[in-house]
Amino acid sequence: MREDELYNNQVTAVVHGFMQVWNRFESTLSKELSQIQESLQGMHPQREHQPNTNYELFYRACNSIYPEGNKTMGEFSNALSVPLSTATRIADWLVDNGYVQRLPDSEDRRVVRVSLTDMGKELFKAIDRYIRQRMLQMLSGLTTEERVILLTLISKVVSGLKEETK
């Protein structure tokens, strides 16, 4: 078997392996994230429970806001790689559920900024901790050297993807 054919077969096997476990992982993740939200709900009893929270969308959106603290709607749209109208609908959903607030820009009153509320920050941090714990569990079967190599390679792939999608 040629080297490029072997490489293609390995890539295909990895992709298929991920796809086979993804549905199970996603189902477990959704259940566990619902439990996290319920425990956070106990901290905010005045808030109505939101059973249909799209955690993937929540995490993607809030991950784009959290590091800087707030973003203009244009920056939010760019960070999510969606049209402004879609970013507005996402922001509406986040505001309606109490995760994000809209703020006026201090320098330009025409500009609207989005910022995480305390509840949004708490849920984001809880999900982030959960994902980190799950990653540590998944990596626990590797030696320290293997983890370093894997994470270095994944970081290179992520850097390459960022460059490609500029």
Protein backbone atom coordinates (compact mmCIF):
# COMPACT_ATOMS: atom_id res chain seq x y z
CA MET A 1 0.00 0.00 0.00
CA ARG A 2 1.36 3.43 -0.96
CA GLU A 3 2.14 5.96 1.78
CA ASP A 4 -0.52 8.47 0.65
CA GLU A 5 -3.13 5.73 0.48
CA LEU A 6 -2.21 4.58 4.01
CA TYR A 7 -2.45 8.19 5.21
CA ASN A 8 -5.88 8.62 3.56
CA ASN A 9 -7.07 5.38 5.20
CA GLN A 10 -5.85 6.57 8.61
CA VAL A 11 -7.61 9.92 8.21
CA THR A 12 -10.82 8.16 7.15
CA ALA A 13 -10.62 5.77 10.12
CA VAL A 14 -10.17 8.69 12.56
CA VAL A 15 -13.07 10.64 11.04
CA HIS A 16 -15.34 7.59 11.13
CA GLY A 17 -14.27 6.83 14.71
CA PHE A 18 -15.16 10.36 15.82
CA MET A 19 -18.50 10.20 14.04
CA GLN A 20 -19.38 6.89 15.70
CA VAL A 21 -18.87 8.29 19.21
CA TRP A 22 -20.12 11.83 18.52
CA ASN A 23 -23.87 11.15 18.89
CA ARG A 24 -23.30 9.35 22.17
CA PHE A 25 -21.00 12.11 23.41
CA GLU A 26 -23.43 14.84 22.31
CA SER A 27 -26.36 13.12 24.06
CA THR A 28 -24.38 12.72 27.29
CA LEU A 29 -23.12 16.30 27.03
CA SER A 30 -26.64 17.68 26.61
CA LYS A 31 -27.91 15.77 29.68
CA GLU A 32 -24.96 16.82 31.82
CA LEU A 33 -25.24 20.46 30.70
CA SER A 34 -28.94 20.44 31.60
CA GLN A 35 -27.91 19.33 35.09
CA ILE A 36 -25.38 22.17 35.26
CA GLN A 37 -28.05 24.66 34.22
CA GLU A 38 -30.46 23.28 36.82
CA SER A 39 -27.83 23.69 39.54
CA LEU A 40 -27.24 27.27 38.35
CA GLN A 41 -31.00 27.76 38.31
CA GLY A 42 -30.93 27.14 42.05
CA MET A 43 -28.70 30.21 42.35
CA HIS A 44 -31.27 32.24 40.42
CA PRO A 45 -34.70 30.95 41.56
CA GLN A 46 -36.46 34.00 40.06
CA ARG A 47 -35.40 32.89 36.56
CA GLU A 48 -37.59 30.51 34.65
CA HIS A 49 -35.83 27.26 33.60
CA GLN A 50 -35.02 27.18 29.88
CA PRO A 51 -35.32 23.50 28.86
CA ASN A 52 -34.49 24.10 25.19
CA THR A 53 -31.15 25.80 25.63
CA ASN A 54 -28.90 25.15 22.67
CA TYR A 55 -25.65 24.69 24.60
CA GLU A 56 -23.47 24.49 21.51
CA LEU A 57 -24.79 27.82 20.23
CA PHE A 58 -24.62 29.33 23.73
CA TYR A 59 -20.99 28.23 24.16
CA ARG A 60 -19.90 29.38 20.69
CA ALA A 61 -21.57 32.76 21.11
CA CYS A 62 -20.38 33.36 24.65
CA ASN A 63 -16.86 32.14 23.84
CA SER A 64 -16.67 34.94 21.28
CA ILE A 65 -17.71 37.54 23.91
CA TYR A 66 -16.13 36.29 27.13
CA PRO A 67 -12.42 36.97 26.56
CA GLU A 68 -12.87 40.70 25.84
CA GLY A 69 -15.90 41.25 28.07
CA ASN A 70 -18.10 42.72 25.35
CA LYS A 71 -18.30 43.09 21.59
CA THR A 72 -20.06 45.32 19.13
CA MET A 73 -22.72 43.54 17.11
CA GLY A 74 -20.40 43.73 14.08
CA GLU A 75 -17.56 42.11 16.03
CA PHE A 76 -19.99 39.50 17.36
CA SER A 77 -21.17 38.74 13.81
CA ASN A 78 -17.58 38.42 12.56
CA ALA A 79 -16.52 36.24 15.50
CA LEU A 80 -19.36 33.81 14.77
CA SER A 81 -18.84 34.03 10.99
CA VAL A 82 -22.52 34.75 10.43
CA PRO A 83 -24.40 37.65 8.80
CA LEU A 84 -25.34 40.55 11.08
CA SER A 85 -29.03 39.57 10.89
CA THR A 86 -28.20 36.07 12.20
CA ALA A 87 -25.97 37.52 14.94
CA THR A 88 -28.86 39.79 15.94
CA ARG A 89 -31.23 36.80 16.24
CA ILE A 90 -28.63 34.94 18.32
CA ALA A 91 -28.17 38.01 20.54
CA ASP A 92 -31.96 38.29 20.88
CA TRP A 93 -32.14 34.66 22.03
CA LEU A 94 -29.28 35.18 24.51
CA VAL A 95 -30.89 38.38 25.86
CA ASP A 96 -34.34 36.74 26.12
CA ASN A 97 -32.81 33.92 28.18
CA GLY A 98 -30.90 36.29 30.46
CA TYR A 99 -27.41 35.26 29.31
CA VAL A 100 -26.42 38.49 27.56
CA GLN A 101 -27.29 42.14 27.83
CA ARG A 102 -27.15 44.86 25.22
CA LEU A 103 -25.17 47.95 26.20
CA PRO A 104 -24.72 51.32 24.51
CA ASP A 105 -21.22 52.13 23.28
CA SER A 106 -19.61 54.90 25.31
CA GLU A 107 -18.05 56.51 22.21
CA ASP A 108 -20.75 56.07 19.57
CA ARG A 109 -24.43 55.93 20.52
CA ARG A 110 -25.30 54.23 17.22
CA VAL A 111 -23.23 51.20 18.24
CA VAL A 112 -24.69 48.43 20.39
CA ARG A 113 -22.47 46.12 22.40
CA VAL A 114 -23.29 42.68 23.82
CA SER A 115 -21.95 41.58 27.18
CA LEU A 116 -22.49 38.48 29.30
CA THR A 117 -24.73 38.82 32.35
CA ASP A 118 -23.67 37.24 35.64
CA MET A 119 -25.87 34.23 34.84
CA GLY A 120 -24.32 33.97 31.35
CA LYS A 121 -20.82 34.10 32.83
CA GLU A 122 -21.69 31.43 35.40
CA LEU A 123 -23.13 29.06 32.79
CA PHE A 124 -20.23 29.73 30.40
CA LYS A 125 -17.65 29.02 33.13
CA ALA A 126 -19.52 25.87 34.21
CA ILE A 127 -19.60 24.55 30.64
CA ASP A 128 -15.96 25.50 30.14
CA ARG A 129 -14.97 23.60 33.33
CA TYR A 130 -17.04 20.62 32.22
CA ILE A 131 -15.40 20.54 28.76
CA ARG A 132 -11.95 20.83 30.32
CA GLN A 133 -12.72 17.94 32.72
CA ARG A 134 -14.01 15.78 29.86
CA MET A 135 -10.89 16.53 27.81
CA LEU A 136 -8.67 15.57 30.75
CA GLN A 137 -10.62 12.30 31.06
CA MET A 138 -10.19 11.58 27.36
CA LEU A 139 -6.47 12.30 27.52
CA SER A 140 -5.91 10.27 30.69
CA GLY A 141 -5.15 7.12 28.68
CA LEU A 142 -2.11 8.80 27.16
CA THR A 143 1.32 9.20 28.66
CA THR A 144 2.50 12.71 29.53
CA GLU A 145 4.73 12.70 26.45
CA GLU A 146 1.84 11.57 24.20
CA ARG A 147 -0.43 14.31 25.62
CA VAL A 148 2.22 16.96 24.94
CA ILE A 149 2.71 15.72 21.38
CA LEU A 150 -1.04 15.47 20.69
CA LEU A 151 -1.83 18.91 22.10
CA THR A 152 1.11 20.45 20.22
CA LEU A 153 -0.13 18.90 16.96
CA ILE A 154 -3.73 19.95 17.57
CA SER A 155 -2.52 23.50 18.31
CA LYS A 156 -0.68 23.52 14.97
CA VAL A 157 -3.82 22.32 13.17
CA VAL A 158 -5.91 25.04 14.87
CA SER A 159 -3.31 27.68 13.91
CA GLY A 160 -3.40 26.45 10.32
CA LEU A 161 -7.20 26.59 10.25
CA LYS A 162 -7.14 30.13 11.65
CA GLU A 163 -4.73 31.19 8.91
CA GLU A 164 -6.86 29.55 6.22
CA THR A 165 -10.06 31.21 7.39
CA LYS A 166 -8.77 34.78 7.76
